[in-house]
Amino acid sequence: MENKTLHELCHALNVTRRTVQGYEKAGLVCASGKNKYGHLLYDEKTCKRIAQIRLFQRFGFRIKEIKELIDAPGFVIKASLEKQILFLHKEKAEIEALIEKAYEIIDSLE
């Protein structure tokens, strides 16, 4: 797989330029080089790493937490994910309760 420019990477991973720049600023990723036009290039490893960062963000981890987790041993990642799953289940229950309450209000208005 050939290297991608920042534009190509953003398009392929559905992220913004600013997002990638934020990851770079946080020290999570870096460009692998530049092309003859001076555009930053990103290799496949970096693309996969950005996808992993995005997934951790969707799980609810903050950048600071991801920075500590991303290169951690498997048992550390596992423990953090297990803890996050418990949090997500709690959040899901709270959202389901809110949805039920909204339905009750709708029903009372008919």
PDB file of N, CA and C in Angstrom:
ATOM      1  N   MET A   1       0.849  -1.182   0.000  1.00  0.00           N
ATOM      2  CA  MET A   1       0.000   0.000   0.000  1.00  0.00           C
ATOM      3  C   MET A   1       0.888   1.236   0.000  1.00  0.00           C
ATOM      4  N   GLU A   2       0.534   2.172  -0.836  1.00  0.00           N
ATOM      5  CA  GLU A   2       1.348   3.388  -0.916  1.00  0.00           C
ATOM      6  C   GLU A   2       0.914   4.400   0.129  1.00  0.00           C
ATOM      7  N   ASN A   3       1.774   5.345   0.381  1.00  0.00           N
ATOM      8  CA  ASN A   3       1.493   6.392   1.349  1.00  0.00           C
ATOM      9  C   ASN A   3       0.364   7.283   0.852  1.00  0.00           C
ATOM     10  N   LYS A   4      -0.361   7.857   1.809  1.00  0.00           N
ATOM     11  CA  LYS A   4      -1.464   8.759   1.479  1.00  0.00           C
ATOM     12  C   LYS A   4      -1.092  10.176   1.891  1.00  0.00           C
ATOM     13  N   THR A   5      -1.577  11.134   1.113  1.00  0.00           N
ATOM     14  CA  THR A   5      -1.450  12.529   1.524  1.00  0.00           C
ATOM     15  C   THR A   5      -2.452  12.772   2.646  1.00  0.00           C
ATOM     16  N   LEU A   6      -2.328  13.893   3.301  1.00  0.00           N
ATOM     17  CA  LEU A   6      -3.260  14.229   4.378  1.00  0.00           C
ATOM     18  C   LEU A   6      -4.687  14.254   3.840  1.00  0.00           C
ATOM     19  N   HIS A   7      -4.858  14.831   2.666  1.00  0.00           N
ATOM     20  CA  HIS A   7      -6.190  14.895   2.050  1.00  0.00           C
ATOM     21  C   HIS A   7      -6.741  13.495   1.793  1.00  0.00           C
ATOM     22  N   GLU A   8      -5.939  12.622   1.246  1.00  0.00           N
ATOM     23  CA  GLU A   8      -6.372  11.250   0.953  1.00  0.00           C
ATOM     24  C   GLU A   8      -6.685  10.488   2.240  1.00  0.00           C
ATOM     25  N   LEU A   9      -5.845  10.676   3.246  1.00  0.00           N
ATOM     26  CA  LEU A   9      -6.052  10.021   4.528  1.00  0.00           C
ATOM     27  C   LEU A   9      -7.368  10.473   5.151  1.00  0.00           C
ATOM     28  N   CYS A  10      -7.612  11.772   5.149  1.00  0.00           N
ATOM     29  CA  CYS A  10      -8.846  12.316   5.722  1.00  0.00           C
ATOM     30  C   CYS A  10     -10.066  11.766   4.998  1.00  0.00           C
ATOM     31  N   HIS A  11      -9.979  11.709   3.698  1.00  0.00           N
ATOM     32  CA  HIS A  11     -11.098  11.185   2.901  1.00  0.00           C
ATOM     33  C   HIS A  11     -11.312   9.695   3.178  1.00  0.00           C
ATOM     34  N   ALA A  12     -10.244   8.930   3.230  1.00  0.00           N
ATOM     35  CA  ALA A  12     -10.340   7.480   3.429  1.00  0.00           C
ATOM     36  C   ALA A  12     -10.882   7.129   4.817  1.00  0.00           C
ATOM     37  N   LEU A  13     -10.509   7.896   5.827  1.00  0.00           N
ATOM     38  CA  LEU A  13     -10.899   7.576   7.207  1.00  0.00           C
ATOM     39  C   LEU A  13     -12.065   8.421   7.714  1.00  0.00           C
ATOM     40  N   ASN A  14     -12.541   9.321   6.865  1.00  0.00           N
ATOM     41  CA  ASN A  14     -13.646  10.212   7.231  1.00  0.00           C
ATOM     42  C   ASN A  14     -13.335  11.011   8.499  1.00  0.00           C
ATOM     43  N   VAL A  15     -12.158  11.621   8.495  1.00  0.00           N
ATOM     44  CA  VAL A  15     -11.736  12.505   9.575  1.00  0.00           C
ATOM     45  C   VAL A  15     -11.364  13.850   8.967  1.00  0.00           C
ATOM     46  N   THR A  16     -11.314  14.860   9.803  1.00  0.00           N
ATOM     47  CA  THR A  16     -10.924  16.171   9.303  1.00  0.00           C
ATOM     48  C   THR A  16      -9.413  16.357   9.421  1.00  0.00           C
ATOM     49  N   ARG A  17      -8.932  17.308   8.660  1.00  0.00           N
ATOM     50  CA  ARG A  17      -7.515  17.681   8.715  1.00  0.00           C
ATOM     51  C   ARG A  17      -7.159  18.105  10.138  1.00  0.00           C
ATOM     52  N   ARG A  18      -8.062  18.855  10.729  1.00  0.00           N
ATOM     53  CA  ARG A  18      -7.843  19.354  12.079  1.00  0.00           C
ATOM     54  C   ARG A  18      -7.727  18.204  13.093  1.00  0.00           C
ATOM     55  N   THR A  19      -8.515  17.149  12.883  1.00  0.00           N
ATOM     56  CA  THR A  19      -8.457  15.974  13.756  1.00  0.00           C
ATOM     57  C   THR A  19      -7.072  15.342  13.697  1.00  0.00           C
ATOM     58  N   VAL A  20      -6.581  15.122  12.490  1.00  0.00           N
ATOM     59  CA  VAL A  20      -5.248  14.520  12.322  1.00  0.00           C
ATOM     60  C   VAL A  20      -4.186  15.426  12.932  1.00  0.00           C
ATOM     61  N   GLN A  21      -4.318  16.719  12.710  1.00  0.00           N
ATOM     62  CA  GLN A  21      -3.356  17.656  13.281  1.00  0.00           C
ATOM     63  C   GLN A  21      -3.394  17.619  14.810  1.00  0.00           C
ATOM     64  N   GLY A  22      -4.582  17.432  15.376  1.00  0.00           N
ATOM     65  CA  GLY A  22      -4.712  17.307  16.826  1.00  0.00           C
ATOM     66  C   GLY A  22      -4.017  16.059  17.343  1.00  0.00           C
ATOM     67  N   TYR A  23      -4.151  14.956  16.594  1.00  0.00           N
ATOM     68  CA  TYR A  23      -3.466  13.723  16.972  1.00  0.00           C
ATOM     69  C   TYR A  23      -1.948  13.907  16.903  1.00  0.00           C
ATOM     70  N   GLU A  24      -1.511  14.641  15.891  1.00  0.00           N
ATOM     71  CA  GLU A  24      -0.075  14.920  15.762  1.00  0.00           C
ATOM     72  C   GLU A  24       0.406  15.768  16.931  1.00  0.00           C
ATOM     73  N   LYS A  25      -0.367  16.793  17.267  1.00  0.00           N
ATOM     74  CA  LYS A  25       0.009  17.681  18.366  1.00  0.00           C
ATOM     75  C   LYS A  25       0.068  16.920  19.689  1.00  0.00           C
ATOM     76  N   ALA A  26      -0.836  15.950  19.856  1.00  0.00           N
ATOM     77  CA  ALA A  26      -0.861  15.142  21.081  1.00  0.00           C
ATOM     78  C   ALA A  26       0.249  14.089  21.096  1.00  0.00           C
ATOM     79  N   GLY A  27       0.949  13.935  19.974  1.00  0.00           N
ATOM     80  CA  GLY A  27       2.028  12.964  19.902  1.00  0.00           C
ATOM     81  C   GLY A  27       1.560  11.549  19.611  1.00  0.00           C
ATOM     82  N   LEU A  28       0.327  11.402  19.127  1.00  0.00           N
ATOM     83  CA  LEU A  28      -0.216  10.079  18.829  1.00  0.00           C
ATOM     84  C   LEU A  28       0.211   9.551  17.468  1.00  0.00           C
ATOM     85  N   VAL A  29       0.384  10.436  16.506  1.00  0.00           N
ATOM     86  CA  VAL A  29       0.795  10.047  15.153  1.00  0.00           C
ATOM     87  C   VAL A  29       1.741  11.099  14.586  1.00  0.00           C
ATOM     88  N   CYS A  30       2.418  10.716  13.524  1.00  0.00           N
ATOM     89  CA  CYS A  30       3.226  11.690  12.794  1.00  0.00           C
ATOM     90  C   CYS A  30       3.302  11.246  11.334  1.00  0.00           C
ATOM     91  N   ALA A  31       3.535  12.201  10.484  1.00  0.00           N
ATOM     92  CA  ALA A  31       3.668  11.910   9.060  1.00  0.00           C
ATOM     93  C   ALA A  31       4.928  11.081   8.837  1.00  0.00           C
ATOM     94  N   SER A  32       4.864  10.255   7.802  1.00  0.00           N
ATOM     95  CA  SER A  32       6.028   9.411   7.516  1.00  0.00           C
ATOM     96  C   SER A  32       6.990  10.082   6.541  1.00  0.00           C
ATOM     97  N   GLY A  33       6.589  11.211   5.994  1.00  0.00           N
ATOM     98  CA  GLY A  33       7.447  11.933   5.063  1.00  0.00           C
ATOM     99  C   GLY A  33       6.665  12.968   4.284  1.00  0.00           C
ATOM    100  N   LYS A  34       7.277  13.436   3.209  1.00  0.00           N
ATOM    101  CA  LYS A  34       6.639  14.413   2.320  1.00  0.00           C
ATOM    102  C   LYS A  34       6.847  13.960   0.896  1.00  0.00           C
ATOM    103  N   ASN A  35       5.897  14.328   0.034  1.00  0.00           N
ATOM    104  CA  ASN A  35       6.078  14.009  -1.385  1.00  0.00           C
ATOM    105  C   ASN A  35       6.837  15.145  -2.069  1.00  0.00           C
ATOM    106  N   LYS A  36       7.026  15.033  -3.371  1.00  0.00           N
ATOM    107  CA  LYS A  36       7.829  16.035  -4.089  1.00  0.00           C
ATOM    108  C   LYS A  36       7.188  17.414  -4.098  1.00  0.00           C
ATOM    109  N   TYR A  37       5.897  17.476  -3.759  1.00  0.00           N
ATOM    110  CA  TYR A  37       5.202  18.759  -3.707  1.00  0.00           C
ATOM    111  C   TYR A  37       5.171  19.354  -2.296  1.00  0.00           C
ATOM    112  N   GLY A  38       5.761  18.634  -1.355  1.00  0.00           N
ATOM    113  CA  GLY A  38       5.812  19.109   0.023  1.00  0.00           C
ATOM    114  C   GLY A  38       4.610  18.698   0.857  1.00  0.00           C
ATOM    115  N   HIS A  39       3.733  17.872   0.293  1.00  0.00           N
ATOM    116  CA  HIS A  39       2.564  17.409   1.045  1.00  0.00           C
ATOM    117  C   HIS A  39       2.970  16.292   2.007  1.00  0.00           C
ATOM    118  N   LEU A  40       2.423  16.361   3.210  1.00  0.00           N
ATOM    119  CA  LEU A  40       2.714  15.323   4.191  1.00  0.00           C
ATOM    120  C   LEU A  40       2.166  13.981   3.726  1.00  0.00           C
ATOM    121  N   LEU A  41       2.908  12.924   4.014  1.00  0.00           N
ATOM    122  CA  LEU A  41       2.501  11.564   3.649  1.00  0.00           C
ATOM    123  C   LEU A  41       2.346  10.720   4.903  1.00  0.00           C
ATOM    124  N   TYR A  42       1.373   9.805   4.843  1.00  0.00           N
ATOM    125  CA  TYR A  42       1.088   8.924   5.970  1.00  0.00           C
ATOM    126  C   TYR A  42       1.082   7.488   5.481  1.00  0.00           C
ATOM    127  N   ASP A  43       1.812   6.619   6.190  1.00  0.00           N
ATOM    128  CA  ASP A  43       1.884   5.219   5.777  1.00  0.00           C
ATOM    129  C   ASP A  43       0.690   4.428   6.313  1.00  0.00           C
ATOM    130  N   GLU A  44       0.607   3.174   5.900  1.00  0.00           N
ATOM    131  CA  GLU A  44      -0.520   2.317   6.294  1.00  0.00           C
ATOM    132  C   GLU A  44      -0.593   2.128   7.803  1.00  0.00           C
ATOM    133  N   LYS A  45       0.554   2.024   8.454  1.00  0.00           N
ATOM    134  CA  LYS A  45       0.590   1.858   9.909  1.00  0.00           C
ATOM    135  C   LYS A  45      -0.067   3.057  10.602  1.00  0.00           C
ATOM    136  N   THR A  46       0.225   4.248  10.106  1.00  0.00           N
ATOM    137  CA  THR A  46      -0.357   5.459  10.688  1.00  0.00           C
ATOM    138  C   THR A  46      -1.859   5.505  10.424  1.00  0.00           C
ATOM    139  N   CYS A  47      -2.275   5.102   9.236  1.00  0.00           N
ATOM    140  CA  CYS A  47      -3.707   5.065   8.915  1.00  0.00           C
ATOM    141  C   CYS A  47      -4.443   4.131   9.877  1.00  0.00           C
ATOM    142  N   LYS A  48      -3.870   2.969  10.130  1.00  0.00           N
ATOM    143  CA  LYS A  48      -4.488   2.015  11.058  1.00  0.00           C
ATOM    144  C   LYS A  48      -4.516   2.571  12.473  1.00  0.00           C
ATOM    145  N   ARG A  49      -3.461   3.277  12.839  1.00  0.00           N
ATOM    146  CA  ARG A  49      -3.386   3.862  14.178  1.00  0.00           C
ATOM    147  C   ARG A  49      -4.461   4.935  14.348  1.00  0.00           C
ATOM    148  N   ILE A  50      -4.669   5.747  13.329  1.00  0.00           N
ATOM    149  CA  ILE A  50      -5.709   6.774  13.399  1.00  0.00           C
ATOM    150  C   ILE A  50      -7.084   6.122  13.515  1.00  0.00           C
ATOM    151  N   ALA A  51      -7.310   5.055  12.763  1.00  0.00           N
ATOM    152  CA  ALA A  51      -8.585   4.332  12.868  1.00  0.00           C
ATOM    153  C   ALA A  51      -8.775   3.799  14.291  1.00  0.00           C
ATOM    154  N   GLN A  52      -7.695   3.298  14.899  1.00  0.00           N
ATOM    155  CA  GLN A  52      -7.774   2.787  16.266  1.00  0.00           C
ATOM    156  C   GLN A  52      -8.062   3.920  17.252  1.00  0.00           C
ATOM    157  N   ILE A  53      -7.432   5.056  17.063  1.00  0.00           N
ATOM    158  CA  ILE A  53      -7.682   6.221  17.922  1.00  0.00           C
ATOM    159  C   ILE A  53      -9.141   6.625  17.833  1.00  0.00           C
ATOM    160  N   ARG A  54      -9.667   6.673  16.616  1.00  0.00           N
ATOM    161  CA  ARG A  54     -11.083   7.034  16.410  1.00  0.00           C
ATOM    162  C   ARG A  54     -12.004   6.044  17.126  1.00  0.00           C
ATOM    163  N   LEU A  55     -11.674   4.767  17.053  1.00  0.00           N
ATOM    164  CA  LEU A  55     -12.490   3.762  17.721  1.00  0.00           C
ATOM    165  C   LEU A  55     -12.460   3.968  19.232  1.00  0.00           C
ATOM    166  N   PHE A  56     -11.282   4.202  19.783  1.00  0.00           N
ATOM    167  CA  PHE A  56     -11.181   4.470  21.224  1.00  0.00           C
ATOM    168  C   PHE A  56     -11.994   5.703  21.603  1.00  0.00           C
ATOM    169  N   GLN A  57     -11.990   6.722  20.743  1.00  0.00           N
ATOM    170  CA  GLN A  57     -12.792   7.915  21.013  1.00  0.00           C
ATOM    171  C   GLN A  57     -14.280   7.564  21.015  1.00  0.00           C
ATOM    172  N   ARG A  58     -14.700   6.726  20.089  1.00  0.00           N
ATOM    173  CA  ARG A  58     -16.107   6.314  20.040  1.00  0.00           C
ATOM    174  C   ARG A  58     -16.480   5.518  21.285  1.00  0.00           C
ATOM    175  N   PHE A  59     -15.525   4.800  21.853  1.00  0.00           N
ATOM    176  CA  PHE A  59     -15.768   4.083  23.109  1.00  0.00           C
ATOM    177  C   PHE A  59     -15.912   5.058  24.279  1.00  0.00           C
ATOM    178  N   GLY A  60     -15.502   6.298  24.082  1.00  0.00           N
ATOM    179  CA  GLY A  60     -15.635   7.320  25.121  1.00  0.00           C
ATOM    180  C   GLY A  60     -14.340   7.734  25.794  1.00  0.00           C
ATOM    181  N   PHE A  61     -13.212   7.231  25.304  1.00  0.00           N
ATOM    182  CA  PHE A  61     -11.929   7.621  25.878  1.00  0.00           C
ATOM    183  C   PHE A  61     -11.524   9.002  25.378  1.00  0.00           C
ATOM    184  N   ARG A  62     -10.902   9.779  26.247  1.00  0.00           N
ATOM    185  CA  ARG A  62     -10.365  11.087  25.868  1.00  0.00           C
ATOM    186  C   ARG A  62      -8.956  10.900  25.293  1.00  0.00           C
ATOM    187  N   ILE A  63      -8.504  11.904  24.572  1.00  0.00           N
ATOM    188  CA  ILE A  63      -7.180  11.841  23.935  1.00  0.00           C
ATOM    189  C   ILE A  63      -6.093  11.522  24.961  1.00  0.00           C
ATOM    190  N   LYS A  64      -6.156  12.145  26.121  1.00  0.00           N
ATOM    191  CA  LYS A  64      -5.153  11.894  27.162  1.00  0.00           C
ATOM    192  C   LYS A  64      -5.144  10.419  27.547  1.00  0.00           C
ATOM    193  N   GLU A  65      -6.327   9.825  27.669  1.00  0.00           N
ATOM    194  CA  GLU A  65      -6.423   8.407  28.027  1.00  0.00           C
ATOM    195  C   GLU A  65      -5.917   7.528  26.882  1.00  0.00           C
ATOM    196  N   ILE A  66      -6.259   7.910  25.670  1.00  0.00           N
ATOM    197  CA  ILE A  66      -5.833   7.143  24.496  1.00  0.00           C
ATOM    198  C   ILE A  66      -4.320   7.162  24.399  1.00  0.00           C
ATOM    199  N   LYS A  67      -3.731   8.301  24.693  1.00  0.00           N
ATOM    200  CA  LYS A  67      -2.273   8.424  24.634  1.00  0.00           C
ATOM    201  C   LYS A  67      -1.600   7.425  25.576  1.00  0.00           C
ATOM    202  N   GLU A  68      -2.226   7.196  26.730  1.00  0.00           N
ATOM    203  CA  GLU A  68      -1.682   6.234  27.686  1.00  0.00           C
ATOM    204  C   GLU A  68      -1.976   4.793  27.278  1.00  0.00           C
ATOM    205  N   LEU A  69      -3.091   4.588  26.574  1.00  0.00           N
ATOM    206  CA  LEU A  69      -3.535   3.243  26.232  1.00  0.00           C
ATOM    207  C   LEU A  69      -2.957   2.683  24.943  1.00  0.00           C
ATOM    208  N   ILE A  70      -2.807   3.510  23.947  1.00  0.00           N
ATOM    209  CA  ILE A  70      -2.578   3.039  22.579  1.00  0.00           C
ATOM    210  C   ILE A  70      -1.377   2.098  22.432  1.00  0.00           C
ATOM    211  N   ASP A  71      -0.339   2.346  23.171  1.00  0.00           N
ATOM    212  CA  ASP A  71       0.847   1.491  23.076  1.00  0.00           C
ATOM    213  C   ASP A  71       1.048   0.634  24.329  1.00  0.00           C
ATOM    214  N   ALA A  72       0.002   0.576  25.164  1.00  0.00           N
ATOM    215  CA  ALA A  72       0.091  -0.185  26.407  1.00  0.00           C
ATOM    216  C   ALA A  72       0.016  -1.684  26.113  1.00  0.00           C
ATOM    217  N   PRO A  73       0.467  -2.491  27.048  1.00  0.00           N
ATOM    218  CA  PRO A  73       0.334  -3.947  26.883  1.00  0.00           C
ATOM    219  C   PRO A  73      -1.145  -4.345  26.820  1.00  0.00           C
ATOM    220  N   GLY A  74      -1.404  -5.483  26.225  1.00  0.00           N
ATOM    221  CA  GLY A  74      -2.763  -5.960  26.039  1.00  0.00           C
ATOM    222  C   GLY A  74      -3.585  -6.019  27.310  1.00  0.00           C
ATOM    223  N   PHE A  75      -2.979  -6.440  28.420  1.00  0.00           N
ATOM    224  CA  PHE A  75      -3.744  -6.561  29.658  1.00  0.00           C
ATOM    225  C   PHE A  75      -4.213  -5.198  30.176  1.00  0.00           C
ATOM    226  N   VAL A  76      -3.453  -4.139  29.897  1.00  0.00           N
ATOM    227  CA  VAL A  76      -3.852  -2.789  30.305  1.00  0.00           C
ATOM    228  C   VAL A  76      -5.028  -2.325  29.446  1.00  0.00           C
ATOM    229  N   ILE A  77      -4.928  -2.552  28.151  1.00  0.00           N
ATOM    230  CA  ILE A  77      -6.015  -2.184  27.240  1.00  0.00           C
ATOM    231  C   ILE A  77      -7.277  -2.954  27.604  1.00  0.00           C
ATOM    232  N   LYS A  78      -7.127  -4.243  27.863  1.00  0.00           N
ATOM    233  CA  LYS A  78      -8.271  -5.089  28.225  1.00  0.00           C
ATOM    234  C   LYS A  78      -8.968  -4.554  29.473  1.00  0.00           C
ATOM    235  N   ALA A  79      -8.208  -4.235  30.502  1.00  0.00           N
ATOM    236  CA  ALA A  79      -8.787  -3.727  31.750  1.00  0.00           C
ATOM    237  C   ALA A  79      -9.513  -2.408  31.516  1.00  0.00           C
ATOM    238  N   SER A  80      -8.919  -1.533  30.724  1.00  0.00           N
ATOM    239  CA  SER A  80      -9.542  -0.245  30.444  1.00  0.00           C
ATOM    240  C   SER A  80     -10.831  -0.415  29.647  1.00  0.00           C
ATOM    241  N   LEU A  81     -10.805  -1.324  28.667  1.00  0.00           N
ATOM    242  CA  LEU A  81     -12.006  -1.574  27.871  1.00  0.00           C
ATOM    243  C   LEU A  81     -13.111  -2.198  28.717  1.00  0.00           C
ATOM    244  N   GLU A  82     -12.750  -3.115  29.605  1.00  0.00           N
ATOM    245  CA  GLU A  82     -13.758  -3.722  30.480  1.00  0.00           C
ATOM    246  C   GLU A  82     -14.411  -2.668  31.375  1.00  0.00           C
ATOM    247  N   LYS A  83     -13.608  -1.768  31.901  1.00  0.00           N
ATOM    248  CA  LYS A  83     -14.129  -0.683  32.732  1.00  0.00           C
ATOM    249  C   LYS A  83     -15.030   0.237  31.896  1.00  0.00           C
ATOM    250  N   GLN A  84     -14.607   0.528  30.675  1.00  0.00           N
ATOM    251  CA  GLN A  84     -15.388   1.406  29.805  1.00  0.00           C
ATOM    252  C   GLN A  84     -16.709   0.751  29.401  1.00  0.00           C
ATOM    253  N   ILE A  85     -16.707  -0.565  29.206  1.00  0.00           N
ATOM    254  CA  ILE A  85     -17.937  -1.283  28.873  1.00  0.00           C
ATOM    255  C   ILE A  85     -18.967  -1.117  29.993  1.00  0.00           C
ATOM    256  N   LEU A  86     -18.525  -1.219  31.230  1.00  0.00           N
ATOM    257  CA  LEU A  86     -19.433  -1.019  32.364  1.00  0.00           C
ATOM    258  C   LEU A  86     -20.032   0.382  32.327  1.00  0.00           C
ATOM    259  N   PHE A  87     -19.195   1.370  32.056  1.00  0.00           N
ATOM    260  CA  PHE A  87     -19.666   2.751  31.957  1.00  0.00           C
ATOM    261  C   PHE A  87     -20.678   2.895  30.816  1.00  0.00           C
ATOM    262  N   LEU A  88     -20.391   2.282  29.666  1.00  0.00           N
ATOM    263  CA  LEU A  88     -21.285   2.381  28.514  1.00  0.00           C
ATOM    264  C   LEU A  88     -22.633   1.703  28.790  1.00  0.00           C
ATOM    265  N   HIS A  89     -22.620   0.575  29.507  1.00  0.00           N
ATOM    266  CA  HIS A  89     -23.874  -0.090  29.879  1.00  0.00           C
ATOM    267  C   HIS A  89     -24.716   0.820  30.779  1.00  0.00           C
ATOM    268  N   LYS A  90     -24.056   1.484  31.724  1.00  0.00           N
ATOM    269  CA  LYS A  90     -24.763   2.409  32.612  1.00  0.00           C
ATOM    270  C   LYS A  90     -25.355   3.564  31.807  1.00  0.00           C
ATOM    271  N   GLU A  91     -24.553   4.104  30.905  1.00  0.00           N
ATOM    272  CA  GLU A  91     -25.014   5.203  30.058  1.00  0.00           C
ATOM    273  C   GLU A  91     -26.192   4.759  29.178  1.00  0.00           C
ATOM    274  N   LYS A  92     -26.112   3.549  28.659  1.00  0.00           N
ATOM    275  CA  LYS A  92     -27.187   2.997  27.824  1.00  0.00           C
ATOM    276  C   LYS A  92     -28.482   2.897  28.625  1.00  0.00           C
ATOM    277  N   ALA A  93     -28.397   2.419  29.859  1.00  0.00           N
ATOM    278  CA  ALA A  93     -29.577   2.301  30.717  1.00  0.00           C
ATOM    279  C   ALA A  93     -30.192   3.674  30.981  1.00  0.00           C
ATOM    280  N   GLU A  94     -29.335   4.667  31.208  1.00  0.00           N
ATOM    281  CA  GLU A  94     -29.833   6.024  31.450  1.00  0.00           C
ATOM    282  C   GLU A  94     -30.527   6.582  30.209  1.00  0.00           C
ATOM    283  N   ILE A  95     -29.977   6.323  29.041  1.00  0.00           N
ATOM    284  CA  ILE A  95     -30.590   6.788  27.795  1.00  0.00           C
ATOM    285  C   ILE A  95     -31.921   6.081  27.564  1.00  0.00           C
ATOM    286  N   GLU A  96     -31.962   4.773  27.817  1.00  0.00           N
ATOM    287  CA  GLU A  96     -33.213   4.032  27.661  1.00  0.00           C
ATOM    288  C   GLU A  96     -34.284   4.563  28.613  1.00  0.00           C
ATOM    289  N   ALA A  97     -33.906   4.915  29.833  1.00  0.00           N
ATOM    290  CA  ALA A  97     -34.855   5.489  30.794  1.00  0.00           C
ATOM    291  C   ALA A  97     -35.363   6.844  30.303  1.00  0.00           C
ATOM    292  N   LEU A  98     -34.486   7.648  29.721  1.00  0.00           N
ATOM    293  CA  LEU A  98     -34.902   8.943  29.174  1.00  0.00           C
ATOM    294  C   LEU A  98     -35.871   8.771  28.006  1.00  0.00           C
ATOM    295  N   ILE A  99     -35.600   7.798  27.156  1.00  0.00           N
ATOM    296  CA  ILE A  99     -36.486   7.527  26.025  1.00  0.00           C
ATOM    297  C   ILE A  99     -37.870   7.116  26.536  1.00  0.00           C
ATOM    298  N   GLU A 100     -37.899   6.243  27.531  1.00  0.00           N
ATOM    299  CA  GLU A 100     -39.178   5.820  28.118  1.00  0.00           C
ATOM    300  C   GLU A 100     -39.929   7.014  28.691  1.00  0.00           C
ATOM    301  N   LYS A 101     -39.217   7.888  29.381  1.00  0.00           N
ATOM    302  CA  LYS A 101     -39.843   9.087  29.960  1.00  0.00           C
ATOM    303  C   LYS A 101     -40.416   9.970  28.858  1.00  0.00           C
ATOM    304  N   ALA A 102     -39.682  10.109  27.751  1.00  0.00           N
ATOM    305  CA  ALA A 102     -40.170  10.911  26.621  1.00  0.00           C
ATOM    306  C   ALA A 102     -41.449  10.302  26.052  1.00  0.00           C
ATOM    307  N   TYR A 103     -41.502   8.965  25.927  1.00  0.00           N
ATOM    308  CA  TYR A 103     -42.710   8.293  25.448  1.00  0.00           C
ATOM    309  C   TYR A 103     -43.886   8.529  26.399  1.00  0.00           C
ATOM    310  N   GLU A 104     -43.607   8.495  27.695  1.00  0.00           N
ATOM    311  CA  GLU A 104     -44.672   8.762  28.681  1.00  0.00           C
ATOM    312  C   GLU A 104     -45.241  10.157  28.502  1.00  0.00           C
ATOM    313  N   ILE A 105     -44.370  11.124  28.279  1.00  0.00           N
ATOM    314  CA  ILE A 105     -44.833  12.498  28.083  1.00  0.00           C
ATOM    315  C   ILE A 105     -45.651  12.605  26.808  1.00  0.00           C
ATOM    316  N   ILE A 106     -45.174  11.971  25.741  1.00  0.00           N
ATOM    317  CA  ILE A 106     -45.913  11.963  24.473  1.00  0.00           C
ATOM    318  C   ILE A 106     -47.290  11.356  24.658  1.00  0.00           C
ATOM    319  N   ASP A 107     -47.348  10.225  25.353  1.00  0.00           N
ATOM    320  CA  ASP A 107     -48.622   9.550  25.587  1.00  0.00           C
ATOM    321  C   ASP A 107     -49.575  10.407  26.394  1.00  0.00           C
ATOM    322  N   SER A 108     -49.041  11.161  27.357  1.00  0.00           N
ATOM    323  CA  SER A 108     -49.895  11.995  28.200  1.00  0.00           C
ATOM    324  C   SER A 108     -50.430  13.211  27.440  1.00  0.00           C
ATOM    325  N   LEU A 109     -49.837  13.541  26.329  1.00  0.00           N
ATOM    326  CA  LEU A 109     -50.270  14.714  25.551  1.00  0.00           C
ATOM    327  C   LEU A 109     -51.352  14.381  24.526  1.00  0.00           C
ATOM    328  N   GLU A 110     -51.634  13.106  24.336  1.00  0.00           N
ATOM    329  CA  GLU A 110     -52.615  12.712  23.311  1.00  0.00           C
ATOM    330  C   GLU A 110     -54.023  12.749  23.818  1.00  0.00           C
TER     331      GLU A 110
END
